[in-house]
Amino acid sequence: MSEDILENTIKVQRAKINLTQEQLADLVGVTRKTINTIENGKFVPSTLLAIKLARVLGVTVEELFILK
């Protein structure tokens, strides 16, 4: 049985709109470390946080997170 892996494009999407991890964190109400751990695949965000991230970055949740 294979394990599902959740990948994300947060770093790419941030770069498109010139946001730092700190700026994105402030906009969604979390710490920079939280953004870092999500980007590196160490932490899976809640549904609410995933929606907030997608809205701030101007993409859909499906564009931001990819289940492999």
N, C-alpha and C. Protein backbone atom coordinates (compact mmCIF):
# COMPACT_ATOMS: atom_id res chain seq x y z
N MET A 1 0.84 -1.17 0.00
CA MET A 1 0.00 0.00 0.00
C MET A 1 0.89 1.25 0.00
N SER A 2 0.65 2.14 -0.93
CA SER A 2 1.48 3.34 -1.03
C SER A 2 0.94 4.46 -0.15
N GLU A 3 1.85 5.32 0.26
CA GLU A 3 1.47 6.44 1.11
C GLU A 3 1.21 7.67 0.26
N ASP A 4 0.11 8.36 0.53
CA ASP A 4 -0.19 9.59 -0.19
C ASP A 4 0.76 10.70 0.25
N ILE A 5 1.19 11.51 -0.71
CA ILE A 5 2.09 12.63 -0.43
C ILE A 5 1.40 13.91 -0.91
N LEU A 6 1.38 14.91 -0.04
CA LEU A 6 0.78 16.19 -0.37
C LEU A 6 1.90 17.17 -0.71
N GLU A 7 1.98 17.55 -1.98
CA GLU A 7 2.95 18.53 -2.42
C GLU A 7 2.26 19.87 -2.55
N ASN A 8 3.05 20.96 -2.60
CA ASN A 8 2.44 22.27 -2.73
C ASN A 8 3.28 23.18 -3.61
N THR A 9 2.64 24.25 -4.06
CA THR A 9 3.31 25.24 -4.92
C THR A 9 3.37 26.61 -4.23
N ILE A 10 3.34 26.60 -2.92
CA ILE A 10 3.30 27.87 -2.17
C ILE A 10 4.50 28.75 -2.51
N LYS A 11 5.69 28.19 -2.50
CA LYS A 11 6.89 28.98 -2.76
C LYS A 11 6.82 29.64 -4.15
N VAL A 12 6.39 28.88 -5.14
CA VAL A 12 6.26 29.40 -6.51
C VAL A 12 5.20 30.50 -6.57
N GLN A 13 4.07 30.26 -5.94
CA GLN A 13 2.98 31.24 -5.95
C GLN A 13 3.39 32.52 -5.21
N ARG A 14 4.12 32.37 -4.11
CA ARG A 14 4.61 33.54 -3.37
C ARG A 14 5.53 34.37 -4.24
N ALA A 15 6.42 33.68 -4.96
CA ALA A 15 7.39 34.38 -5.81
C ALA A 15 6.69 35.18 -6.91
N LYS A 16 5.60 34.64 -7.43
CA LYS A 16 4.86 35.32 -8.50
C LYS A 16 4.34 36.68 -8.06
N ILE A 17 4.03 36.81 -6.77
CA ILE A 17 3.49 38.10 -6.29
C ILE A 17 4.44 38.78 -5.29
N ASN A 18 5.69 38.32 -5.30
CA ASN A 18 6.76 38.94 -4.49
C ASN A 18 6.43 39.04 -3.00
N LEU A 19 5.98 37.92 -2.43
CA LEU A 19 5.71 37.87 -0.99
C LEU A 19 6.78 37.03 -0.31
N THR A 20 7.24 37.50 0.84
CA THR A 20 8.13 36.68 1.67
C THR A 20 7.29 35.72 2.51
N GLN A 21 7.94 34.76 3.11
CA GLN A 21 7.23 33.86 4.03
C GLN A 21 6.61 34.67 5.16
N GLU A 22 7.34 35.63 5.67
CA GLU A 22 6.85 36.47 6.78
C GLU A 22 5.61 37.25 6.37
N GLN A 23 5.63 37.83 5.18
CA GLN A 23 4.47 38.61 4.71
C GLN A 23 3.25 37.71 4.53
N LEU A 24 3.45 36.54 3.93
CA LEU A 24 2.34 35.60 3.74
C LEU A 24 1.80 35.16 5.09
N ALA A 25 2.69 34.86 6.01
CA ALA A 25 2.27 34.44 7.35
C ALA A 25 1.40 35.50 8.01
N ASP A 26 1.82 36.76 7.92
CA ASP A 26 1.04 37.86 8.50
C ASP A 26 -0.35 37.95 7.87
N LEU A 27 -0.42 37.76 6.57
CA LEU A 27 -1.69 37.88 5.85
C LEU A 27 -2.69 36.77 6.21
N VAL A 28 -2.19 35.60 6.58
CA VAL A 28 -3.09 34.49 6.92
C VAL A 28 -3.15 34.20 8.42
N GLY A 29 -2.38 34.94 9.21
CA GLY A 29 -2.48 34.82 10.67
C GLY A 29 -1.72 33.66 11.29
N VAL A 30 -0.57 33.30 10.70
CA VAL A 30 0.27 32.26 11.28
C VAL A 30 1.71 32.78 11.37
N THR A 31 2.61 31.94 11.84
CA THR A 31 4.01 32.35 11.93
C THR A 31 4.75 32.03 10.63
N ARG A 32 5.91 32.65 10.48
CA ARG A 32 6.74 32.35 9.31
C ARG A 32 7.17 30.89 9.33
N LYS A 33 7.44 30.37 10.52
CA LYS A 33 7.84 28.97 10.65
C LYS A 33 6.75 28.02 10.15
N THR A 34 5.50 28.37 10.40
CA THR A 34 4.40 27.54 9.89
C THR A 34 4.41 27.51 8.37
N ILE A 35 4.59 28.66 7.74
CA ILE A 35 4.65 28.72 6.28
C ILE A 35 5.83 27.89 5.80
N ASN A 36 6.97 28.01 6.45
CA ASN A 36 8.16 27.25 6.08
C ASN A 36 7.92 25.75 6.16
N THR A 37 7.30 25.30 7.24
CA THR A 37 7.08 23.85 7.40
C THR A 37 6.05 23.33 6.40
N ILE A 38 5.07 24.14 6.04
CA ILE A 38 4.12 23.73 5.01
C ILE A 38 4.83 23.63 3.66
N GLU A 39 5.60 24.67 3.30
CA GLU A 39 6.32 24.67 2.02
C GLU A 39 7.24 23.46 1.90
N ASN A 40 7.85 23.06 3.00
CA ASN A 40 8.79 21.93 2.98
C ASN A 40 8.13 20.57 3.17
N GLY A 41 6.81 20.55 3.24
CA GLY A 41 6.08 19.29 3.34
C GLY A 41 6.15 18.62 4.69
N LYS A 42 6.55 19.37 5.72
CA LYS A 42 6.66 18.81 7.08
C LYS A 42 5.35 18.94 7.86
N PHE A 43 4.46 19.81 7.38
CA PHE A 43 3.20 20.07 8.07
C PHE A 43 2.08 20.20 7.04
N VAL A 44 0.97 19.54 7.30
CA VAL A 44 -0.21 19.64 6.43
C VAL A 44 -1.17 20.62 7.08
N PRO A 45 -1.50 21.71 6.38
CA PRO A 45 -2.36 22.73 6.99
C PRO A 45 -3.81 22.27 7.11
N SER A 46 -4.52 22.92 8.00
CA SER A 46 -5.96 22.66 8.13
C SER A 46 -6.65 23.12 6.85
N THR A 47 -7.87 22.68 6.66
CA THR A 47 -8.65 23.12 5.50
C THR A 47 -8.81 24.63 5.51
N LEU A 48 -9.09 25.19 6.66
CA LEU A 48 -9.26 26.63 6.78
C LEU A 48 -7.99 27.38 6.36
N LEU A 49 -6.84 26.94 6.83
CA LEU A 49 -5.59 27.60 6.47
C LEU A 49 -5.28 27.42 4.99
N ALA A 50 -5.57 26.25 4.44
CA ALA A 50 -5.34 26.01 3.01
C ALA A 50 -6.18 26.98 2.17
N ILE A 51 -7.43 27.20 2.56
CA ILE A 51 -8.30 28.13 1.85
C ILE A 51 -7.77 29.55 1.96
N LYS A 52 -7.34 29.95 3.17
CA LYS A 52 -6.78 31.29 3.36
C LYS A 52 -5.55 31.50 2.49
N LEU A 53 -4.66 30.51 2.45
CA LEU A 53 -3.46 30.61 1.64
C LEU A 53 -3.81 30.76 0.16
N ALA A 54 -4.73 29.95 -0.30
CA ALA A 54 -5.14 30.01 -1.71
C ALA A 54 -5.73 31.37 -2.05
N ARG A 55 -6.57 31.89 -1.19
CA ARG A 55 -7.17 33.21 -1.44
C ARG A 55 -6.12 34.31 -1.52
N VAL A 56 -5.21 34.34 -0.56
CA VAL A 56 -4.17 35.37 -0.54
C VAL A 56 -3.28 35.26 -1.77
N LEU A 57 -2.99 34.03 -2.20
CA LEU A 57 -2.09 33.82 -3.33
C LEU A 57 -2.82 33.89 -4.68
N GLY A 58 -4.14 33.98 -4.65
CA GLY A 58 -4.91 34.15 -5.88
C GLY A 58 -5.01 32.92 -6.74
N VAL A 59 -5.01 31.75 -6.10
CA VAL A 59 -5.14 30.49 -6.82
C VAL A 59 -6.18 29.61 -6.11
N THR A 60 -6.54 28.50 -6.74
CA THR A 60 -7.44 27.56 -6.08
C THR A 60 -6.64 26.67 -5.13
N VAL A 61 -7.33 26.04 -4.21
CA VAL A 61 -6.68 25.10 -3.30
C VAL A 61 -6.05 23.97 -4.12
N GLU A 62 -6.73 23.55 -5.18
CA GLU A 62 -6.22 22.47 -6.02
C GLU A 62 -4.93 22.87 -6.76
N GLU A 63 -4.78 24.15 -7.06
CA GLU A 63 -3.54 24.62 -7.69
C GLU A 63 -2.41 24.72 -6.67
N LEU A 64 -2.77 24.97 -5.43
CA LEU A 64 -1.79 25.15 -4.37
C LEU A 64 -1.29 23.84 -3.79
N PHE A 65 -2.19 22.85 -3.69
CA PHE A 65 -1.85 21.55 -3.09
C PHE A 65 -2.16 20.44 -4.07
N ILE A 66 -1.18 19.53 -4.23
CA ILE A 66 -1.31 18.42 -5.17
C ILE A 66 -1.10 17.12 -4.40
N LEU A 67 -2.09 16.22 -4.48
CA LEU A 67 -1.98 14.93 -3.82
C LEU A 67 -1.33 13.94 -4.77
N LYS A 68 -0.20 13.41 -4.38
CA LYS A 68 0.56 12.45 -5.21
C LYS A 68 0.39 11.05 -4.69
